[in-house]
């Protein structure tokens, strides 16, 4: 774990909220860190052993626990951009952590929606999703005794997948060691199967967890979203908020579910040849 050389936010200082007419502005307070996943430059998250992937997850957990002590911070997002199309600017295997002094609009909408569902039904919406998908597993791509990987009912992107713990837990950092062990297995299997089915796609992997000020609750359920870069967001999507996805989630889940992970092979390094002329 190292600080980002070109951070979006800085931990020093304060927010210094100011009004500028009808608008508000503030300093870029927060933290921006790089999570180095392996000392091997050519490694990928898919190629690491399950234990090494689990070590990465423990690094996520430890940094969240540490940063929670800074009461100025309200929300932490951890993500991985793999491949140039997904926004990666470094080839070395890594993820990123950004800690924010505010809760982002997207996260607020997701948490508020879950809270409204809980108020109406007295059940966690994500627990209901897990239960329903396991009862009729057309959209289940993979599962083990702690984790389920599903294609969501209304995916925004082809082969979008969600990885969820089967047991309710609102905050990632409060999960058990067994959950981390099984989550590492689920992530590695999904990435390897996606490599086989989608020919090693660029992708984004994003952790969704509860805001720091409400880390333990009954209505929200942490999860990880996997989004391979197979389509482009264009004018229609930006103008309407609707997404055109040509691949039904049942079909995506079936492809991933039926793929034999033993067929996965590490990507072969490019062999450079020298043209020797006599």
Protein backbone atom coordinates (compact mmCIF):
# COMPACT_ATOMS: atom_id res chain seq x y z
CA UNK A 1 0.00 0.00 0.00
CA UNK A 2 1.52 3.33 -1.07
CA UNK A 3 0.19 6.88 -1.54
CA UNK A 4 -0.82 7.73 -5.10
CA UNK A 5 1.85 9.85 -6.82
CA UNK A 6 -0.88 11.91 -8.46
CA UNK A 7 -3.64 11.91 -5.80
CA UNK A 8 -7.15 13.14 -6.44
CA UNK A 9 -7.38 14.04 -2.74
CA UNK A 10 -4.98 15.00 0.07
CA UNK A 11 -5.29 14.00 3.73
CA UNK A 12 -3.75 17.27 4.97
CA UNK A 13 -5.87 20.34 5.71
CA UNK A 14 -9.60 20.75 6.04
CA UNK A 15 -12.67 20.97 3.81
CA UNK A 16 -12.97 24.78 3.95
CA UNK A 17 -16.51 24.75 2.53
CA UNK A 18 -17.35 28.00 0.76
CA UNK A 19 -20.28 29.43 -1.13
CA UNK A 20 -19.81 31.01 -4.53
CA UNK A 21 -23.20 32.48 -5.30
CA UNK A 22 -25.63 29.57 -5.60
CA UNK A 23 -22.73 27.08 -5.81
CA UNK A 24 -20.59 25.38 -3.15
CA UNK A 25 -16.95 24.45 -3.28
CA UNK A 26 -14.49 22.76 -0.92
CA UNK A 27 -10.91 21.56 -0.75
CA UNK A 28 -9.99 18.09 -2.01
CA UNK A 29 -9.68 16.52 1.43
CA UNK A 30 -9.37 12.74 1.68
CA UNK A 31 -6.97 9.92 0.92
CA UNK A 32 -5.88 8.29 -2.33
CA UNK A 33 -3.80 5.13 -2.10
CA UNK A 34 -2.48 2.46 -4.46
CA UNK A 35 -2.82 -1.17 -3.39
CA UNK A 36 0.02 -3.16 -4.96
CA UNK A 37 -1.27 -6.70 -5.53
CA UNK A 38 1.94 -8.51 -6.40
CA UNK A 39 5.71 -7.90 -6.71
CA UNK A 40 5.54 -9.59 -10.11
CA UNK A 41 5.12 -7.05 -12.89
CA UNK A 42 3.39 -9.42 -15.31
CA UNK A 43 0.98 -10.92 -12.77
CA UNK A 44 -2.77 -10.32 -12.84
CA UNK A 45 -5.37 -10.78 -10.13
CA UNK A 46 -6.55 -13.84 -12.05
CA UNK A 47 -3.08 -15.38 -12.02
CA UNK A 48 -2.43 -14.95 -8.29
CA UNK A 49 -2.98 -17.87 -5.95
CA UNK A 50 -6.18 -17.82 -3.88
CA UNK A 51 -4.09 -17.05 -0.80
CA UNK A 52 -2.50 -14.04 -2.53
CA UNK A 53 -5.91 -12.76 -3.60
CA UNK A 54 -7.06 -13.19 0.00
CA UNK A 55 -4.04 -11.15 1.14
CA UNK A 56 -5.19 -8.35 -1.18
CA UNK A 57 -8.64 -8.46 0.44
CA UNK A 58 -7.11 -8.27 3.90
CA UNK A 59 -5.13 -5.21 2.74
CA UNK A 60 -8.44 -3.62 1.70
CA UNK A 61 -9.91 -4.42 5.11
CA UNK A 62 -6.92 -3.14 7.08
CA UNK A 63 -6.82 0.18 5.25
CA UNK A 64 -10.55 0.75 5.77
CA UNK A 65 -10.22 0.01 9.50
CA UNK A 66 -7.30 2.43 9.79
CA UNK A 67 -8.90 5.25 7.81
CA UNK A 68 -12.17 4.95 9.75
CA UNK A 69 -10.36 6.51 12.69
CA UNK A 70 -10.23 9.82 10.80
CA UNK A 71 -13.64 11.28 11.61
CA UNK A 72 -13.39 13.72 8.70
CA UNK A 73 -13.85 10.82 6.28
CA UNK A 74 -17.36 9.59 5.43
CA UNK A 75 -17.00 7.05 2.63
CA UNK A 76 -14.37 4.72 1.19
CA UNK A 77 -14.40 3.23 -2.29
CA UNK A 78 -11.93 0.56 -3.42
CA UNK A 79 -11.67 -0.29 -7.09
CA UNK A 80 -9.49 -1.96 -9.68
CA UNK A 81 -9.09 -0.75 -13.26
CA UNK A 82 -7.63 -3.55 -15.36
CA UNK A 83 -6.58 -2.69 -18.89
CA UNK A 84 -6.31 0.57 -20.75
CA UNK A 85 -9.99 0.58 -21.79
CA UNK A 86 -10.95 0.37 -18.12
CA UNK A 87 -8.83 3.38 -17.20
CA UNK A 88 -5.63 1.69 -16.00
CA UNK A 89 -2.55 3.84 -16.51
CA UNK A 90 -0.05 1.41 -14.92
CA UNK A 91 0.63 -2.13 -16.10
CA UNK A 92 1.78 -3.41 -12.70
CA UNK A 93 -1.09 -5.22 -10.91
CA UNK A 94 -2.75 -2.82 -8.50
CA UNK A 95 -6.00 -1.45 -7.17
CA UNK A 96 -6.88 1.93 -5.67
CA UNK A 97 -8.53 3.26 -2.52
CA UNK A 98 -10.15 6.68 -2.26
CA UNK A 99 -11.49 7.97 1.07
CA UNK A 100 -13.91 10.88 0.79
CA UNK A 101 -15.18 13.54 3.21
CA UNK A 102 -18.67 13.23 1.72
CA UNK A 103 -20.87 10.32 0.64
CA UNK A 104 -21.07 10.29 -3.19
CA UNK A 105 -24.46 10.79 -4.84
CA UNK A 106 -24.45 7.29 -6.36
CA UNK A 107 -23.69 5.68 -3.00
CA UNK A 108 -26.34 7.81 -1.27
CA UNK A 109 -28.97 6.73 -3.78
CA UNK A 110 -28.04 3.05 -3.36
CA UNK A 111 -28.06 3.22 0.45
CA UNK A 112 -31.30 5.26 0.57
CA UNK A 113 -33.00 2.80 -1.80
CA UNK A 114 -31.96 -0.11 0.42
CA UNK A 115 -33.20 1.76 3.50
CA UNK A 116 -36.60 2.45 1.91
CA UNK A 117 -36.98 -1.21 0.97
CA UNK A 118 -36.11 -2.22 4.55
CA UNK A 119 -38.61 0.29 5.97
CA UNK A 120 -41.37 -1.16 3.78
CA UNK A 121 -40.56 -4.89 4.08
CA UNK A 122 -38.29 -5.15 7.13
CA UNK A 123 -35.81 -7.15 5.08
CA UNK A 124 -32.52 -6.33 3.38
CA UNK A 125 -33.05 -5.98 -0.38
CA UNK A 126 -29.70 -7.64 -1.15
CA UNK A 127 -30.53 -10.60 1.10
CA UNK A 128 -33.79 -10.93 -0.84
CA UNK A 129 -31.89 -10.80 -4.14
CA UNK A 130 -29.51 -13.54 -2.95
CA UNK A 131 -32.41 -15.68 -1.74
CA UNK A 132 -34.44 -15.28 -4.93
CA UNK A 133 -31.53 -15.91 -7.29
CA UNK A 134 -30.48 -19.07 -5.42
CA UNK A 135 -34.05 -20.42 -5.49
CA UNK A 136 -34.18 -20.02 -9.29
CA UNK A 137 -30.52 -19.97 -10.33
CA UNK A 138 -30.85 -18.85 -13.95
CA UNK A 139 -28.72 -15.80 -13.20
CA UNK A 140 -26.31 -17.49 -10.78
CA UNK A 141 -22.85 -17.65 -12.36
CA UNK A 142 -21.03 -19.31 -9.45
CA UNK A 143 -21.36 -19.96 -5.72
CA UNK A 144 -19.69 -21.48 -2.71
CA UNK A 145 -20.87 -21.83 0.89
CA UNK A 146 -20.24 -18.12 1.67
CA UNK A 147 -20.36 -16.23 -1.63
CA UNK A 148 -22.63 -16.08 -4.68
CA UNK A 149 -21.82 -14.50 -8.05
CA UNK A 150 -24.85 -13.40 -10.07
CA UNK A 151 -25.70 -11.54 -13.25
CA UNK A 152 -28.06 -8.80 -11.98
CA UNK A 153 -31.63 -8.77 -13.31
CA UNK A 154 -31.12 -5.47 -15.16
CA UNK A 155 -27.38 -5.27 -15.95
CA UNK A 156 -26.04 -2.06 -17.43
CA UNK A 157 -23.27 -3.82 -19.33
CA UNK A 158 -22.76 -7.20 -21.04
CA UNK A 159 -21.48 -9.78 -18.54
CA UNK A 160 -21.82 -7.42 -15.58
CA UNK A 161 -21.60 -9.56 -12.42
CA UNK A 162 -22.22 -8.95 -8.72
CA UNK A 163 -20.37 -10.86 -6.01
CA UNK A 164 -22.26 -10.95 -2.71
CA UNK A 165 -21.85 -12.66 0.67
CA UNK A 166 -24.74 -15.02 1.37
CA UNK A 167 -24.97 -13.88 4.98
CA UNK A 168 -25.94 -10.33 5.79
CA UNK A 169 -23.11 -7.91 6.47
CA UNK A 170 -23.34 -4.20 5.78
CA UNK A 171 -19.62 -3.39 5.93
CA UNK A 172 -16.86 -5.22 4.10
CA UNK A 173 -14.35 -4.68 6.89
CA UNK A 174 -16.56 -6.50 9.43
CA UNK A 175 -16.61 -9.75 7.42
CA UNK A 176 -15.13 -12.94 8.82
CA UNK A 177 -11.88 -14.59 7.78
CA UNK A 178 -13.89 -17.42 6.23
CA UNK A 179 -15.78 -14.94 4.05
CA UNK A 180 -12.49 -13.41 2.85
CA UNK A 181 -11.15 -16.87 2.05
CA UNK A 182 -14.23 -17.79 -0.01
CA UNK A 183 -14.42 -14.33 -1.60
CA UNK A 184 -10.85 -14.71 -2.86
CA UNK A 185 -11.83 -18.00 -4.47
CA UNK A 186 -14.95 -16.43 -6.07
CA UNK A 187 -13.05 -13.44 -7.48
CA UNK A 188 -10.27 -15.59 -8.92
CA UNK A 189 -12.76 -18.00 -10.55
CA UNK A 190 -14.81 -15.15 -12.06
CA UNK A 191 -11.75 -13.41 -13.50
CA UNK A 192 -10.35 -16.63 -14.94
CA UNK A 193 -13.70 -17.60 -16.48
CA UNK A 194 -14.10 -14.09 -17.92
CA UNK A 195 -10.62 -14.41 -19.43
CA UNK A 196 -11.71 -17.63 -21.16
CA UNK A 197 -15.17 -16.52 -22.30
CA UNK A 198 -14.37 -12.90 -23.16
CA UNK A 199 -10.75 -13.22 -24.30
CA UNK A 200 -9.10 -11.43 -21.37
CA UNK A 201 -11.22 -8.28 -21.25
CA UNK A 202 -10.38 -5.00 -19.63
CA UNK A 203 -12.61 -4.58 -16.60
CA UNK A 204 -13.53 -2.53 -13.54
CA UNK A 205 -13.95 -4.20 -10.16
CA UNK A 206 -15.61 -1.98 -7.51
CA UNK A 207 -16.32 -2.58 -3.82
CA UNK A 208 -19.64 -1.19 -2.53
CA UNK A 209 -19.73 -0.98 1.27
CA UNK A 210 -21.68 0.96 3.88
CA UNK A 211 -20.78 4.59 4.70
CA UNK A 212 -18.35 4.87 7.62
CA UNK A 213 -20.82 6.66 9.90
CA UNK A 214 -23.37 3.84 9.57
CA UNK A 215 -21.11 0.83 9.21
CA UNK A 216 -23.39 -1.71 10.94
CA UNK A 217 -27.01 -1.80 9.87
CA UNK A 218 -29.75 -4.20 8.81
CA UNK A 219 -30.65 -2.62 5.46
CA UNK A 220 -27.42 -2.46 3.42
CA UNK A 221 -25.29 -5.38 2.21
CA UNK A 222 -21.76 -4.96 0.87
CA UNK A 223 -20.97 -6.39 -2.55
CA UNK A 224 -18.48 -6.21 -5.41
CA UNK A 225 -19.43 -5.27 -8.96
CA UNK A 226 -17.50 -6.62 -11.95
CA UNK A 227 -17.92 -4.76 -15.25
CA UNK A 228 -15.95 -5.91 -18.31
CA UNK A 229 -15.41 -3.25 -20.96
CA UNK A 230 -17.30 -4.83 -23.84
CA UNK A 231 -19.48 -1.87 -24.83
CA UNK A 232 -19.24 1.92 -24.81
CA UNK A 233 -21.32 4.46 -22.94
CA UNK A 234 -22.51 6.97 -25.54
CA UNK A 235 -25.01 9.80 -26.02
CA UNK A 236 -28.16 7.78 -25.38
CA UNK A 237 -26.85 6.49 -22.05
CA UNK A 238 -25.57 9.90 -20.93
CA UNK A 239 -28.77 11.60 -22.05
CA UNK A 240 -31.26 9.20 -20.49
CA UNK A 241 -29.53 7.12 -17.82
CA UNK A 242 -30.73 4.01 -19.68
CA UNK A 243 -28.23 1.42 -20.87
CA UNK A 244 -28.44 -0.69 -24.01
CA UNK A 245 -27.23 -4.20 -23.18
CA UNK A 246 -27.42 -6.76 -26.00
CA UNK A 247 -26.68 -9.73 -23.72
CA UNK A 248 -29.43 -11.05 -21.39
CA UNK A 249 -28.17 -11.71 -17.85
CA UNK A 250 -29.38 -15.32 -17.99
CA UNK A 251 -27.13 -15.88 -21.02
CA UNK A 252 -24.13 -14.19 -19.36
CA UNK A 253 -24.55 -16.26 -16.20
CA UNK A 254 -24.87 -19.47 -18.23
CA UNK A 255 -21.64 -18.80 -20.12
CA UNK A 256 -19.72 -18.12 -16.92
CA UNK A 257 -21.35 -20.97 -15.00
CA UNK A 258 -20.61 -23.59 -17.65
CA UNK A 259 -17.04 -22.51 -18.37
CA UNK A 260 -14.43 -24.97 -17.15
CA UNK A 261 -11.98 -22.91 -15.10
CA UNK A 262 -9.29 -25.57 -15.63
CA UNK A 263 -9.02 -24.32 -19.24
CA UNK A 264 -7.57 -21.03 -18.03
CA UNK A 265 -3.91 -20.48 -18.84
CA UNK A 266 -1.63 -17.58 -17.93
CA UNK A 267 -1.24 -15.03 -20.67
CA UNK A 268 1.86 -15.77 -22.69
CA UNK A 269 4.48 -13.05 -22.65
CA UNK A 270 5.19 -11.46 -25.97
CA UNK A 271 8.36 -12.86 -27.49
CA UNK A 272 10.53 -10.22 -29.09
CA UNK A 273 12.59 -11.39 -32.03
CA UNK A 274 15.64 -9.77 -33.51
CA UNK A 275 15.96 -9.54 -37.27
CA UNK A 276 19.54 -10.63 -37.87
CA UNK A 277 20.76 -9.85 -41.38
CA UNK A 278 24.06 -11.02 -42.69
